[in-house]
Amino acid sequence: MNLNLAKFKIKIGNIPNVLAERCFLSFWIMLFIALTLGGVIFYQYIFVLGKIETRLSKESLNLKKENYEKVLESWQSREKRFQELDSKDYLNPFKLGDKHVIEESTSTATSTESEATSTEEGLPEEVISPLVEKLMKARNLHEFYYIQGRNIPLLSERAVVWQEKGLGQKDLYFGTDYQNQLLLSVLKKELTQ
């Protein structure tokens, strides 16, 4: 039994040598096998399946109303959010020194200026309160000063403000994100006092 198995392995191992010796004949045999398999597959998928009629169900397509309403609702909410984003007023970081925010806040309250009480700066309270609201919504120092219509102060100037507000020595102010956020929170706190 072991002998037959060993001879069989030797014969199997010799197949590539035999094919190489008779390469022209091997090519035609392999080509014939490939064309035969290709023809069988082509026949099965083109002719046989082409003759089978597809059965259409007589039932119409039914949608579940709840699922349809959920999808419609989500589309409408997305559309609403997109429209809100279009109407939102964004700060332009490339237009420094624009005073359109202050002008906008003063123009909204022109009708009630005569009735409004004056503050220390001479502006009516109703004009200042929208400006303060916008300043309170500032996310960083750049926005805070931009809303006021001013450029953000230089690092050395902010260091002086840092020391004046009692946050530390001006030499230790480096303008890091943490320091800027701390300075912003102190500036916002002063607005509410």
Protein backbone atom coordinates (compact mmCIF):
# COMPACT_ATOMS: atom_id res chain seq x y z
CA MET A 1 0.00 0.00 0.00
CA ASN A 2 2.81 2.38 0.87
CA LEU A 3 4.48 1.46 -2.38
CA ASN A 4 1.44 2.32 -4.49
CA LEU A 5 1.04 5.63 -2.70
CA ALA A 6 4.70 6.51 -3.27
CA LYS A 7 4.47 5.63 -6.98
CA PHE A 8 1.26 7.68 -7.25
CA LYS A 9 3.01 10.72 -5.71
CA ILE A 10 5.87 10.34 -8.15
CA LYS A 11 3.47 10.18 -11.12
CA ILE A 12 1.56 13.23 -9.87
CA GLY A 13 4.85 15.08 -9.47
CA ASN A 14 5.82 14.25 -13.06
CA ILE A 15 2.67 15.82 -14.58
CA PRO A 16 4.22 19.30 -14.93
CA ASN A 17 7.26 17.76 -16.67
CA VAL A 18 5.04 15.83 -19.09
CA LEU A 19 2.96 18.94 -19.82
CA ALA A 20 6.12 20.96 -20.41
CA GLU A 21 7.47 18.35 -22.82
CA ARG A 22 4.23 18.43 -24.81
CA CYS A 23 3.42 22.15 -24.42
CA PHE A 24 1.67 22.54 -27.79
CA LEU A 25 -0.70 19.67 -27.07
CA SER A 26 -1.17 20.89 -23.46
CA PHE A 27 -2.12 24.35 -24.72
CA TRP A 28 -4.83 22.98 -27.01
CA ILE A 29 -6.22 20.70 -24.28
CA MET A 30 -6.37 23.60 -21.75
CA LEU A 31 -7.96 25.86 -24.37
CA PHE A 32 -10.59 23.23 -25.15
CA ILE A 33 -11.39 22.80 -21.41
CA ALA A 34 -11.64 26.58 -20.91
CA LEU A 35 -13.93 27.05 -23.92
CA THR A 36 -16.12 24.12 -22.85
CA LEU A 37 -16.54 25.46 -19.30
CA GLY A 38 -17.18 28.98 -20.62
CA GLY A 39 -19.80 27.68 -23.03
CA VAL A 40 -21.59 25.71 -20.30
CA ILE A 41 -21.66 28.71 -17.97
CA PHE A 42 -22.83 31.01 -20.78
CA TYR A 43 -25.57 28.59 -21.74
CA GLN A 44 -26.78 28.25 -18.12
CA TYR A 45 -26.93 31.95 -17.35
CA ILE A 46 -28.01 33.39 -20.68
CA PHE A 47 -30.22 30.92 -22.44
CA VAL A 48 -31.73 28.90 -19.59
CA LEU A 49 -32.36 31.84 -17.24
CA GLY A 50 -33.48 34.02 -20.15
CA LYS A 51 -36.29 31.61 -20.96
CA ILE A 52 -37.63 31.53 -17.42
CA GLU A 53 -40.25 34.20 -17.08
CA THR A 54 -39.94 36.39 -14.09
CA ARG A 55 -43.04 36.25 -12.02
CA LEU A 56 -44.29 39.55 -10.85
CA SER A 57 -46.34 39.58 -7.74
CA LYS A 58 -49.84 40.83 -8.26
CA GLU A 59 -49.71 42.74 -5.00
CA SER A 60 -48.79 46.40 -5.20
CA LEU A 61 -45.91 47.78 -3.23
CA ASN A 62 -47.09 48.63 0.28
CA LEU A 63 -45.25 51.07 2.49
CA LYS A 64 -45.68 51.16 6.20
CA LYS A 65 -47.14 54.55 6.94
CA GLU A 66 -45.31 54.92 10.27
CA ASN A 67 -41.91 54.31 8.68
CA TYR A 68 -42.70 56.68 5.82
CA GLU A 69 -43.74 59.41 8.26
CA LYS A 70 -40.54 58.94 10.31
CA VAL A 71 -38.36 59.29 7.23
CA LEU A 72 -40.34 62.30 6.04
CA GLU A 73 -40.08 63.91 9.47
CA SER A 74 -36.31 63.40 9.61
CA TRP A 75 -35.93 64.91 6.12
CA GLN A 76 -38.00 67.91 7.12
CA SER A 77 -35.99 68.43 10.31
CA ARG A 78 -32.75 68.27 8.31
CA GLU A 79 -34.11 70.76 5.80
CA LYS A 80 -35.13 73.07 8.63
CA ARG A 81 -31.62 72.87 10.17
CA PHE A 82 -30.05 73.66 6.80
CA GLN A 83 -32.30 76.69 6.41
CA GLU A 84 -31.39 77.86 9.92
CA LEU A 85 -27.70 77.54 9.06
CA ASP A 86 -28.22 79.64 5.94
CA SER A 87 -29.85 82.43 7.92
CA LYS A 88 -27.30 82.36 10.76
CA ASP A 89 -24.90 85.28 10.94
CA TYR A 90 -21.29 84.10 11.08
CA LEU A 91 -18.29 86.18 12.02
CA ASN A 92 -15.89 86.89 9.19
CA PRO A 93 -12.33 86.51 10.51
CA PHE A 94 -10.96 88.27 7.42
CA LYS A 95 -12.86 91.50 8.04
CA LEU A 96 -11.31 92.91 11.16
CA GLY A 97 -12.59 96.15 12.55
CA ASP A 98 -16.08 95.95 11.03
CA LYS A 99 -18.55 97.89 13.11
CA HIS A 100 -21.65 96.42 11.51
CA VAL A 101 -22.55 94.53 14.70
CA ILE A 102 -22.78 97.68 16.77
CA GLU A 103 -24.61 99.49 13.95
CA GLU A 104 -27.05 96.58 13.69
CA SER A 105 -27.79 96.62 17.40
CA THR A 106 -28.34 100.39 17.37
CA SER A 107 -30.60 100.26 14.32
CA THR A 108 -32.90 97.65 15.89
CA ALA A 109 -33.64 99.89 18.81
CA THR A 110 -34.05 103.25 17.04
CA SER A 111 -37.80 103.26 17.48
CA THR A 112 -37.56 102.95 21.25
CA GLU A 113 -34.54 105.20 21.81
CA SER A 114 -36.60 108.11 23.01
CA GLU A 115 -38.27 106.00 25.71
CA ALA A 116 -35.11 104.22 26.85
CA THR A 117 -33.13 105.38 29.85
CA SER A 118 -29.54 106.43 29.38
CA THR A 119 -26.53 104.72 30.90
CA GLU A 120 -23.08 106.02 31.81
CA GLU A 121 -21.86 105.86 28.18
CA GLY A 122 -24.87 107.71 26.85
CA LEU A 123 -26.32 104.71 24.99
CA PRO A 124 -29.84 103.51 25.80
CA GLU A 125 -30.08 100.31 27.86
CA GLU A 126 -32.12 98.60 25.15
CA VAL A 127 -29.28 99.16 22.71
CA ILE A 128 -26.64 97.84 25.09
CA SER A 129 -28.51 94.71 26.15
CA PRO A 130 -28.49 93.07 22.66
CA LEU A 131 -24.81 93.93 22.39
CA VAL A 132 -24.14 92.41 25.81
CA GLU A 133 -26.06 89.31 24.81
CA LYS A 134 -23.89 88.93 21.72
CA LEU A 135 -20.75 89.51 23.75
CA MET A 136 -21.82 86.85 26.25
CA LYS A 137 -22.15 84.36 23.38
CA ALA A 138 -18.57 84.97 22.18
CA ARG A 139 -16.59 81.74 22.18
CA ASN A 140 -13.12 83.29 22.14
CA LEU A 141 -11.37 86.63 22.52
CA HIS A 142 -11.31 87.22 18.79
CA GLU A 143 -15.13 87.05 18.62
CA PHE A 144 -15.45 89.12 21.81
CA TYR A 145 -13.50 92.02 20.34
CA TYR A 146 -14.91 91.54 16.84
CA ILE A 147 -18.47 92.01 18.12
CA GLN A 148 -17.35 95.31 19.62
CA GLY A 149 -15.97 96.33 16.23
CA ARG A 150 -12.35 96.19 17.38
CA ASN A 151 -9.34 94.13 16.48
CA ILE A 152 -8.08 91.70 19.08
CA PRO A 153 -5.34 93.43 21.10
CA LEU A 154 -1.73 92.42 20.71
CA LEU A 155 -0.28 89.85 23.09
CA SER A 156 1.53 92.53 25.09
CA GLU A 157 -1.69 94.56 25.46
CA ARG A 158 -3.63 91.48 26.57
CA ALA A 159 -0.85 90.77 29.10
CA VAL A 160 -1.46 94.19 30.65
CA VAL A 161 -5.22 93.48 30.82
CA TRP A 162 -4.37 90.07 32.34
CA GLN A 163 -2.43 91.77 35.14
CA GLU A 164 -5.06 94.52 35.64
CA LYS A 165 -7.79 91.91 36.10
CA GLY A 166 -5.71 90.23 38.81
CA LEU A 167 -5.14 87.00 36.92
CA GLY A 168 -1.37 87.05 37.28
CA GLN A 169 1.78 88.84 36.22
CA LYS A 170 1.93 90.14 32.68
CA ASP A 171 5.27 88.39 32.15
CA LEU A 172 3.53 85.04 32.70
CA TYR A 173 0.82 85.66 30.10
CA PHE A 174 1.69 83.74 26.94
CA GLY A 175 -1.70 83.82 25.19
CA THR A 176 -2.41 80.12 25.59
CA ASP A 177 -5.91 78.85 24.99
CA TYR A 178 -6.45 78.34 28.72
CA GLN A 179 -5.28 81.88 29.55
CA ASN A 180 -7.41 83.39 26.77
CA GLN A 181 -10.51 81.52 27.94
CA LEU A 182 -9.87 82.64 31.53
CA LEU A 183 -9.45 86.24 30.40
CA LEU A 184 -12.63 85.96 28.31
CA SER A 185 -14.61 84.66 31.27
CA VAL A 186 -13.42 87.58 33.43
CA LEU A 187 -14.33 90.09 30.71
CA LYS A 188 -17.77 88.53 30.36
CA LYS A 189 -18.25 88.56 34.14
CA GLU A 190 -17.58 92.31 34.18
CA LEU A 191 -20.35 92.83 31.62
CA THR A 192 -22.96 91.34 33.95
CA GLN A 193 -21.91 93.34 37.00
